[in-house]
Amino acid sequence: MAVHLGVSNGAAFYLLKALVDKGLVKAENFSKSNKKIGYLYLVTPAGVKQKLRLTKQFITIKRAEYNQLRCEIEAMETELIEAQLWETR
């Protein structure tokens, strides 16, 4: 996970522990093999709710950015058309 996030193992553990402390992720011991013990991290219902809230917020922000860009493009297109009409006179 640390490699995927581009952070140190210590930083990944620190962040994961914070999620567990907030109740957004649950850590369970599991045995991957007879020789190695690890942890299984599960997203809790509260974690799913938080992720949905953040996703909705992200979509709202991106939709507003899209609408603003669309308006700017339409304004530039209008200016371009008016400039072309002016030049043909």
PDB file of N, CA and C in Angstrom:
ATOM      1  N   MET A   1       0.831  -1.188   0.000  1.00  0.00           N
ATOM      2  CA  MET A   1       0.000   0.000   0.000  1.00  0.00           C
ATOM      3  C   MET A   1       0.875   1.251   0.000  1.00  0.00           C
ATOM      4  N   ALA A   2       1.966   1.219   0.762  1.00  0.00           N
ATOM      5  CA  ALA A   2       2.851   2.380   0.828  1.00  0.00           C
ATOM      6  C   ALA A   2       3.423   2.717  -0.551  1.00  0.00           C
ATOM      7  N   VAL A   3       3.846   1.703  -1.282  1.00  0.00           N
ATOM      8  CA  VAL A   3       4.397   1.919  -2.624  1.00  0.00           C
ATOM      9  C   VAL A   3       3.342   2.533  -3.529  1.00  0.00           C
ATOM     10  N   HIS A   4       2.125   2.005  -3.471  1.00  0.00           N
ATOM     11  CA  HIS A   4       1.033   2.505  -4.309  1.00  0.00           C
ATOM     12  C   HIS A   4       0.729   3.976  -4.001  1.00  0.00           C
ATOM     13  N   LEU A   5       0.805   4.354  -2.724  1.00  0.00           N
ATOM     14  CA  LEU A   5       0.526   5.737  -2.326  1.00  0.00           C
ATOM     15  C   LEU A   5       1.738   6.653  -2.493  1.00  0.00           C
ATOM     16  N   GLY A   6       2.911   6.061  -2.683  1.00  0.00           N
ATOM     17  CA  GLY A   6       4.124   6.856  -2.833  1.00  0.00           C
ATOM     18  C   GLY A   6       4.602   7.443  -1.513  1.00  0.00           C
ATOM     19  N   VAL A   7       4.384   6.707  -0.417  1.00  0.00           N
ATOM     20  CA  VAL A   7       4.819   7.159   0.905  1.00  0.00           C
ATOM     21  C   VAL A   7       5.627   6.044   1.564  1.00  0.00           C
ATOM     22  N   SER A   8       6.282   6.359   2.675  1.00  0.00           N
ATOM     23  CA  SER A   8       7.041   5.350   3.411  1.00  0.00           C
ATOM     24  C   SER A   8       6.089   4.386   4.110  1.00  0.00           C
ATOM     25  N   ASN A   9       6.616   3.244   4.519  1.00  0.00           N
ATOM     26  CA  ASN A   9       5.803   2.292   5.269  1.00  0.00           C
ATOM     27  C   ASN A   9       5.285   2.923   6.559  1.00  0.00           C
ATOM     28  N   GLY A  10       6.140   3.692   7.231  1.00  0.00           N
ATOM     29  CA  GLY A  10       5.738   4.355   8.466  1.00  0.00           C
ATOM     30  C   GLY A  10       4.596   5.336   8.241  1.00  0.00           C
ATOM     31  N   ALA A  11       4.665   6.094   7.145  1.00  0.00           N
ATOM     32  CA  ALA A  11       3.603   7.063   6.833  1.00  0.00           C
ATOM     33  C   ALA A  11       2.304   6.340   6.507  1.00  0.00           C
ATOM     34  N   ALA A  12       2.402   5.230   5.766  1.00  0.00           N
ATOM     35  CA  ALA A  12       1.197   4.458   5.427  1.00  0.00           C
ATOM     36  C   ALA A  12       0.556   3.899   6.693  1.00  0.00           C
ATOM     37  N   PHE A  13       1.391   3.372   7.613  1.00  0.00           N
ATOM     38  CA  PHE A  13       0.867   2.841   8.865  1.00  0.00           C
ATOM     39  C   PHE A  13       0.204   3.947   9.685  1.00  0.00           C
ATOM     40  N   TYR A  14       0.846   5.108   9.751  1.00  0.00           N
ATOM     41  CA  TYR A  14       0.306   6.252  10.489  1.00  0.00           C
ATOM     42  C   TYR A  14      -1.076   6.646   9.943  1.00  0.00           C
ATOM     43  N   LEU A  15      -1.188   6.740   8.626  1.00  0.00           N
ATOM     44  CA  LEU A  15      -2.451   7.120   7.995  1.00  0.00           C
ATOM     45  C   LEU A  15      -3.519   6.047   8.203  1.00  0.00           C
ATOM     46  N   LEU A  16      -3.131   4.792   8.061  1.00  0.00           N
ATOM     47  CA  LEU A  16      -4.076   3.693   8.244  1.00  0.00           C
ATOM     48  C   LEU A  16      -4.563   3.631   9.690  1.00  0.00           C
ATOM     49  N   LYS A  17      -3.650   3.853  10.636  1.00  0.00           N
ATOM     50  CA  LYS A  17      -4.030   3.862  12.043  1.00  0.00           C
ATOM     51  C   LYS A  17      -5.022   4.982  12.323  1.00  0.00           C
ATOM     52  N   ALA A  18      -4.831   6.138  11.695  1.00  0.00           N
ATOM     53  CA  ALA A  18      -5.770   7.251  11.879  1.00  0.00           C
ATOM     54  C   ALA A  18      -7.159   6.871  11.363  1.00  0.00           C
ATOM     55  N   LEU A  19      -7.225   6.167  10.234  1.00  0.00           N
ATOM     56  CA  LEU A  19      -8.512   5.715   9.704  1.00  0.00           C
ATOM     57  C   LEU A  19      -9.164   4.700  10.632  1.00  0.00           C
ATOM     58  N   VAL A  20      -8.358   3.823  11.211  1.00  0.00           N
ATOM     59  CA  VAL A  20      -8.885   2.849  12.170  1.00  0.00           C
ATOM     60  C   VAL A  20      -9.396   3.584  13.406  1.00  0.00           C
ATOM     61  N   ASP A  21      -8.605   4.542  13.911  1.00  0.00           N
ATOM     62  CA  ASP A  21      -9.009   5.313  15.096  1.00  0.00           C
ATOM     63  C   ASP A  21     -10.307   6.078  14.875  1.00  0.00           C
ATOM     64  N   LYS A  22     -10.543   6.541  13.651  1.00  0.00           N
ATOM     65  CA  LYS A  22     -11.777   7.272  13.335  1.00  0.00           C
ATOM     66  C   LYS A  22     -12.956   6.328  13.094  1.00  0.00           C
ATOM     67  N   GLY A  23     -12.678   5.030  13.025  1.00  0.00           N
ATOM     68  CA  GLY A  23     -13.740   4.061  12.797  1.00  0.00           C
ATOM     69  C   GLY A  23     -14.115   3.895  11.342  1.00  0.00           C
ATOM     70  N   LEU A  24     -13.285   4.412  10.437  1.00  0.00           N
ATOM     71  CA  LEU A  24     -13.578   4.314   9.012  1.00  0.00           C
ATOM     72  C   LEU A  24     -13.040   3.018   8.409  1.00  0.00           C
ATOM     73  N   VAL A  25     -12.060   2.435   9.082  1.00  0.00           N
ATOM     74  CA  VAL A  25     -11.458   1.175   8.654  1.00  0.00           C
ATOM     75  C   VAL A  25     -11.329   0.287   9.883  1.00  0.00           C
ATOM     76  N   LYS A  26     -11.524  -1.017   9.677  1.00  0.00           N
ATOM     77  CA  LYS A  26     -11.405  -1.986  10.767  1.00  0.00           C
ATOM     78  C   LYS A  26     -10.251  -2.917  10.434  1.00  0.00           C
ATOM     79  N   ALA A  27      -9.379  -3.165  11.411  1.00  0.00           N
ATOM     80  CA  ALA A  27      -8.236  -4.058  11.217  1.00  0.00           C
ATOM     81  C   ALA A  27      -8.506  -5.368  11.930  1.00  0.00           C
ATOM     82  N   GLU A  28      -8.278  -6.472  11.217  1.00  0.00           N
ATOM     83  CA  GLU A  28      -8.450  -7.795  11.801  1.00  0.00           C
ATOM     84  C   GLU A  28      -7.206  -8.626  11.533  1.00  0.00           C
ATOM     85  N   ASN A  29      -6.800  -9.419  12.507  1.00  0.00           N
ATOM     86  CA  ASN A  29      -5.701 -10.359  12.285  1.00  0.00           C
ATOM     87  C   ASN A  29      -6.178 -11.478  11.378  1.00  0.00           C
ATOM     88  N   PHE A  30      -5.326 -11.904  10.504  1.00  0.00           N
ATOM     89  CA  PHE A  30      -5.629 -13.081   9.696  1.00  0.00           C
ATOM     90  C   PHE A  30      -4.320 -13.784   9.398  1.00  0.00           C
ATOM     91  N   SER A  31      -4.408 -15.037   9.120  1.00  0.00           N
ATOM     92  CA  SER A  31      -3.215 -15.826   8.830  1.00  0.00           C
ATOM     93  C   SER A  31      -3.184 -16.096   7.337  1.00  0.00           C
ATOM     94  N   LYS A  32      -2.232 -15.465   6.649  1.00  0.00           N
ATOM     95  CA  LYS A  32      -2.096 -15.665   5.213  1.00  0.00           C
ATOM     96  C   LYS A  32      -1.493 -17.036   4.917  1.00  0.00           C
ATOM     97  N   SER A  33      -0.613 -17.464   5.780  1.00  0.00           N
ATOM     98  CA  SER A  33      -0.045 -18.802   5.688  1.00  0.00           C
ATOM     99  C   SER A  33       0.308 -19.242   7.102  1.00  0.00           C
ATOM    100  N   ASN A  34       0.785 -20.423   7.230  1.00  0.00           N
ATOM    101  CA  ASN A  34       1.157 -20.923   8.551  1.00  0.00           C
ATOM    102  C   ASN A  34       2.356 -20.179   9.127  1.00  0.00           C
ATOM    103  N   LYS A  35       3.149 -19.547   8.290  1.00  0.00           N
ATOM    104  CA  LYS A  35       4.391 -18.916   8.726  1.00  0.00           C
ATOM    105  C   LYS A  35       4.275 -17.403   8.900  1.00  0.00           C
ATOM    106  N   LYS A  36       3.253 -16.778   8.386  1.00  0.00           N
ATOM    107  CA  LYS A  36       3.193 -15.322   8.371  1.00  0.00           C
ATOM    108  C   LYS A  36       1.835 -14.847   8.864  1.00  0.00           C
ATOM    109  N   ILE A  37       1.855 -13.876   9.785  1.00  0.00           N
ATOM    110  CA  ILE A  37       0.611 -13.289  10.283  1.00  0.00           C
ATOM    111  C   ILE A  37       0.535 -11.860   9.754  1.00  0.00           C
ATOM    112  N   GLY A  38      -0.637 -11.451   9.367  1.00  0.00           N
ATOM    113  CA  GLY A  38      -0.818 -10.102   8.851  1.00  0.00           C
ATOM    114  C   GLY A  38      -2.129  -9.531   9.329  1.00  0.00           C
ATOM    115  N   TYR A  39      -2.525  -8.468   8.714  1.00  0.00           N
ATOM    116  CA  TYR A  39      -3.780  -7.806   9.049  1.00  0.00           C
ATOM    117  C   TYR A  39      -4.645  -7.696   7.810  1.00  0.00           C
ATOM    118  N   LEU A  40      -5.926  -7.795   8.028  1.00  0.00           N
ATOM    119  CA  LEU A  40      -6.913  -7.565   6.989  1.00  0.00           C
ATOM    120  C   LEU A  40      -7.605  -6.260   7.335  1.00  0.00           C
ATOM    121  N   TYR A  41      -7.594  -5.309   6.417  1.00  0.00           N
ATOM    122  CA  TYR A  41      -8.220  -4.006   6.657  1.00  0.00           C
ATOM    123  C   TYR A  41      -9.530  -3.933   5.889  1.00  0.00           C
ATOM    124  N   LEU A  42     -10.611  -3.669   6.604  1.00  0.00           N
ATOM    125  CA  LEU A  42     -11.942  -3.603   6.011  1.00  0.00           C
ATOM    126  C   LEU A  42     -12.528  -2.210   6.195  1.00  0.00           C
ATOM    127  N   VAL A  43     -13.153  -1.711   5.158  1.00  0.00           N
ATOM    128  CA  VAL A  43     -13.831  -0.420   5.265  1.00  0.00           C
ATOM    129  C   VAL A  43     -15.131  -0.651   6.034  1.00  0.00           C
ATOM    130  N   THR A  44     -15.354   0.148   7.061  1.00  0.00           N
ATOM    131  CA  THR A  44     -16.551   0.019   7.888  1.00  0.00           C
ATOM    132  C   THR A  44     -17.726   0.726   7.213  1.00  0.00           C
ATOM    133  N   PRO A  45     -18.953   0.489   7.678  1.00  0.00           N
ATOM    134  CA  PRO A  45     -20.091   1.241   7.142  1.00  0.00           C
ATOM    135  C   PRO A  45     -19.884   2.759   7.249  1.00  0.00           C
ATOM    136  N   ALA A  46     -19.270   3.205   8.347  1.00  0.00           N
ATOM    137  CA  ALA A  46     -18.985   4.642   8.484  1.00  0.00           C
ATOM    138  C   ALA A  46     -17.979   5.090   7.430  1.00  0.00           C
ATOM    139  N   GLY A  47     -17.007   4.216   7.118  1.00  0.00           N
ATOM    140  CA  GLY A  47     -16.025   4.530   6.075  1.00  0.00           C
ATOM    141  C   GLY A  47     -16.666   4.621   4.704  1.00  0.00           C
ATOM    142  N   VAL A  48     -17.606   3.722   4.429  1.00  0.00           N
ATOM    143  CA  VAL A  48     -18.327   3.759   3.154  1.00  0.00           C
ATOM    144  C   VAL A  48     -19.138   5.052   3.054  1.00  0.00           C
ATOM    145  N   LYS A  49     -19.804   5.419   4.144  1.00  0.00           N
ATOM    146  CA  LYS A  49     -20.598   6.651   4.156  1.00  0.00           C
ATOM    147  C   LYS A  49     -19.710   7.865   3.902  1.00  0.00           C
ATOM    148  N   GLN A  50     -18.535   7.897   4.545  1.00  0.00           N
ATOM    149  CA  GLN A  50     -17.593   9.008   4.352  1.00  0.00           C
ATOM    150  C   GLN A  50     -17.115   9.060   2.903  1.00  0.00           C
ATOM    151  N   LYS A  51     -16.805   7.892   2.331  1.00  0.00           N
ATOM    152  CA  LYS A  51     -16.347   7.850   0.943  1.00  0.00           C
ATOM    153  C   LYS A  51     -17.435   8.350  -0.002  1.00  0.00           C
ATOM    154  N   LEU A  52     -18.673   7.964   0.239  1.00  0.00           N
ATOM    155  CA  LEU A  52     -19.779   8.443  -0.595  1.00  0.00           C
ATOM    156  C   LEU A  52     -19.935   9.958  -0.479  1.00  0.00           C
ATOM    157  N   ARG A  53     -19.791  10.482   0.752  1.00  0.00           N
ATOM    158  CA  ARG A  53     -19.906  11.927   0.951  1.00  0.00           C
ATOM    159  C   ARG A  53     -18.797  12.654   0.190  1.00  0.00           C
ATOM    160  N   LEU A  54     -17.577  12.143   0.276  1.00  0.00           N
ATOM    161  CA  LEU A  54     -16.453  12.768  -0.427  1.00  0.00           C
ATOM    162  C   LEU A  54     -16.614  12.667  -1.942  1.00  0.00           C
ATOM    163  N   THR A  55     -17.133  11.534  -2.419  1.00  0.00           N
ATOM    164  CA  THR A  55     -17.361  11.369  -3.853  1.00  0.00           C
ATOM    165  C   THR A  55     -18.404  12.356  -4.350  1.00  0.00           C
ATOM    166  N   LYS A  56     -19.477  12.518  -3.585  1.00  0.00           N
ATOM    167  CA  LYS A  56     -20.519  13.485  -3.962  1.00  0.00           C
ATOM    168  C   LYS A  56     -19.946  14.894  -3.998  1.00  0.00           C
ATOM    169  N   GLN A  57     -19.130  15.235  -3.006  1.00  0.00           N
ATOM    170  CA  GLN A  57     -18.500  16.558  -2.956  1.00  0.00           C
ATOM    171  C   GLN A  57     -17.583  16.760  -4.159  1.00  0.00           C
ATOM    172  N   PHE A  58     -16.790  15.737  -4.508  1.00  0.00           N
ATOM    173  CA  PHE A  58     -15.888  15.803  -5.646  1.00  0.00           C
ATOM    174  C   PHE A  58     -16.660  16.027  -6.943  1.00  0.00           C
ATOM    175  N   ILE A  59     -17.743  15.283  -7.130  1.00  0.00           N
ATOM    176  CA  ILE A  59     -18.561  15.422  -8.341  1.00  0.00           C
ATOM    177  C   ILE A  59     -19.171  16.815  -8.419  1.00  0.00           C
ATOM    178  N   THR A  60     -19.636  17.342  -7.303  1.00  0.00           N
ATOM    179  CA  THR A  60     -20.215  18.692  -7.281  1.00  0.00           C
ATOM    180  C   THR A  60     -19.182  19.728  -7.700  1.00  0.00           C
ATOM    181  N   ILE A  61     -17.969  19.619  -7.174  1.00  0.00           N
ATOM    182  CA  ILE A  61     -16.892  20.556  -7.524  1.00  0.00           C
ATOM    183  C   ILE A  61     -16.547  20.440  -9.002  1.00  0.00           C
ATOM    184  N   LYS A  62     -16.394  19.216  -9.500  1.00  0.00           N
ATOM    185  CA  LYS A  62     -16.035  19.011 -10.910  1.00  0.00           C
ATOM    186  C   LYS A  62     -17.133  19.494 -11.841  1.00  0.00           C
ATOM    187  N   ARG A  63     -18.384  19.312 -11.451  1.00  0.00           N
ATOM    188  CA  ARG A  63     -19.502  19.789 -12.269  1.00  0.00           C
ATOM    189  C   ARG A  63     -19.479  21.319 -12.358  1.00  0.00           C
ATOM    190  N   ALA A  64     -19.187  21.990 -11.254  1.00  0.00           N
ATOM    191  CA  ALA A  64     -19.102  23.452 -11.252  1.00  0.00           C
ATOM    192  C   ALA A  64     -17.940  23.924 -12.129  1.00  0.00           C
ATOM    193  N   GLU A  65     -16.794  23.236 -12.031  1.00  0.00           N
ATOM    194  CA  GLU A  65     -15.650  23.583 -12.881  1.00  0.00           C
ATOM    195  C   GLU A  65     -16.000  23.405 -14.351  1.00  0.00           C
ATOM    196  N   TYR A  66     -16.674  22.319 -14.679  1.00  0.00           N
ATOM    197  CA  TYR A  66     -17.080  22.052 -16.058  1.00  0.00           C
ATOM    198  C   TYR A  66     -17.998  23.158 -16.572  1.00  0.00           C
ATOM    199  N   ASN A  67     -18.989  23.523 -15.767  1.00  0.00           N
ATOM    200  CA  ASN A  67     -19.929  24.572 -16.187  1.00  0.00           C
ATOM    201  C   ASN A  67     -19.222  25.903 -16.387  1.00  0.00           C
ATOM    202  N   GLN A  68     -18.270  26.223 -15.511  1.00  0.00           N
ATOM    203  CA  GLN A  68     -17.522  27.470 -15.657  1.00  0.00           C
ATOM    204  C   GLN A  68     -16.690  27.453 -16.939  1.00  0.00           C
ATOM    205  N   LEU A  69     -16.017  26.349 -17.216  1.00  0.00           N
ATOM    206  CA  LEU A  69     -15.229  26.243 -18.447  1.00  0.00           C
ATOM    207  C   LEU A  69     -16.116  26.329 -19.685  1.00  0.00           C
ATOM    208  N   ARG A  70     -17.280  25.683 -19.630  1.00  0.00           N
ATOM    209  CA  ARG A  70     -18.208  25.726 -20.763  1.00  0.00           C
ATOM    210  C   ARG A  70     -18.623  27.170 -21.053  1.00  0.00           C
ATOM    211  N   CYS A  71     -18.904  27.935 -19.999  1.00  0.00           N
ATOM    212  CA  CYS A  71     -19.286  29.336 -20.185  1.00  0.00           C
ATOM    213  C   CYS A  71     -18.138  30.152 -20.769  1.00  0.00           C
ATOM    214  N   GLU A  72     -16.919  29.904 -20.292  1.00  0.00           N
ATOM    215  CA  GLU A  72     -15.752  30.617 -20.823  1.00  0.00           C
ATOM    216  C   GLU A  72     -15.533  30.289 -22.299  1.00  0.00           C
ATOM    217  N   ILE A  73     -15.692  29.028 -22.669  1.00  0.00           N
ATOM    218  CA  ILE A  73     -15.521  28.622 -24.067  1.00  0.00           C
ATOM    219  C   ILE A  73     -16.589  29.261 -24.938  1.00  0.00           C
ATOM    220  N   GLU A  74     -17.821  29.263 -24.474  1.00  0.00           N
ATOM    221  CA  GLU A  74     -18.905  29.894 -25.244  1.00  0.00           C
ATOM    222  C   GLU A  74     -18.642  31.389 -25.426  1.00  0.00           C
ATOM    223  N   ALA A  75     -18.128  32.055 -24.389  1.00  0.00           N
ATOM    224  CA  ALA A  75     -17.825  33.487 -24.498  1.00  0.00           C
ATOM    225  C   ALA A  75     -16.707  33.723 -25.510  1.00  0.00           C
ATOM    226  N   MET A  76     -15.683  32.873 -25.491  1.00  0.00           N
ATOM    227  CA  MET A  76     -14.588  33.018 -26.457  1.00  0.00           C
ATOM    228  C   MET A  76     -15.062  32.741 -27.870  1.00  0.00           C
ATOM    229  N   GLU A  77     -15.930  31.757 -28.037  1.00  0.00           N
ATOM    230  CA  GLU A  77     -16.467  31.464 -29.361  1.00  0.00           C
ATOM    231  C   GLU A  77     -17.282  32.640 -29.881  1.00  0.00           C
ATOM    232  N   THR A  78     -18.058  33.260 -29.000  1.00  0.00           N
ATOM    233  CA  THR A  78     -18.851  34.430 -29.389  1.00  0.00           C
ATOM    234  C   THR A  78     -17.940  35.574 -29.811  1.00  0.00           C
ATOM    235  N   GLU A  79     -16.881  35.809 -29.030  1.00  0.00           N
ATOM    236  CA  GLU A  79     -15.917  36.860 -29.376  1.00  0.00           C
ATOM    237  C   GLU A  79     -15.265  36.575 -30.721  1.00  0.00           C
ATOM    238  N   LEU A  80     -14.908  35.330 -30.961  1.00  0.00           N
ATOM    239  CA  LEU A  80     -14.269  34.949 -32.217  1.00  0.00           C
ATOM    240  C   LEU A  80     -15.202  35.182 -33.396  1.00  0.00           C
ATOM    241  N   ILE A  81     -16.451  34.784 -33.255  1.00  0.00           N
ATOM    242  CA  ILE A  81     -17.431  34.977 -34.322  1.00  0.00           C
ATOM    243  C   ILE A  81     -17.624  36.466 -34.591  1.00  0.00           C
ATOM    244  N   GLU A  82     -17.745  37.267 -33.524  1.00  0.00           N
ATOM    245  CA  GLU A  82     -17.925  38.720 -33.696  1.00  0.00           C
ATOM    246  C   GLU A  82     -16.699  39.341 -34.368  1.00  0.00           C
ATOM    247  N   ALA A  83     -15.502  38.890 -33.998  1.00  0.00           N
ATOM    248  CA  ALA A  83     -14.283  39.409 -34.606  1.00  0.00           C
ATOM    249  C   ALA A  83     -14.213  39.051 -36.089  1.00  0.00           C
ATOM    250  N   GLN A  84     -14.622  37.849 -36.431  1.00  0.00           N
ATOM    251  CA  GLN A  84     -14.616  37.423 -37.836  1.00  0.00           C
ATOM    252  C   GLN A  84     -15.626  38.211 -38.642  1.00  0.00           C
ATOM    253  N   LEU A  85     -16.787  38.480 -38.054  1.00  0.00           N
ATOM    254  CA  LEU A  85     -17.800  39.264 -38.739  1.00  0.00           C
ATOM    255  C   LEU A  85     -17.307  40.688 -38.951  1.00  0.00           C
ATOM    256  N   TRP A  86     -16.623  41.240 -37.984  1.00  0.00           N
ATOM    257  CA  TRP A  86     -16.105  42.603 -38.081  1.00  0.00           C
ATOM    258  C   TRP A  86     -15.071  42.702 -39.200  1.00  0.00           C
ATOM    259  N   GLU A  87     -14.221  41.668 -39.319  1.00  0.00           N
ATOM    260  CA  GLU A  87     -13.160  41.668 -40.346  1.00  0.00           C
ATOM    261  C   GLU A  87     -13.743  41.550 -41.753  1.00  0.00           C
ATOM    262  N   THR A  88     -14.888  40.918 -41.904  1.00  0.00           N
ATOM    263  CA  THR A  88     -15.448  40.728 -43.246  1.00  0.00           C
ATOM    264  C   THR A  88     -16.183  41.954 -43.717  1.00  0.00           C
ATOM    265  N   ARG A  89     -16.375  42.929 -42.906  1.00  0.00           N
ATOM    266  CA  ARG A  89     -17.093  44.145 -43.342  1.00  0.00           C
ATOM    267  C   ARG A  89     -16.237  45.089 -44.091  1.00  0.00           C
TER     268      ARG A  89
END
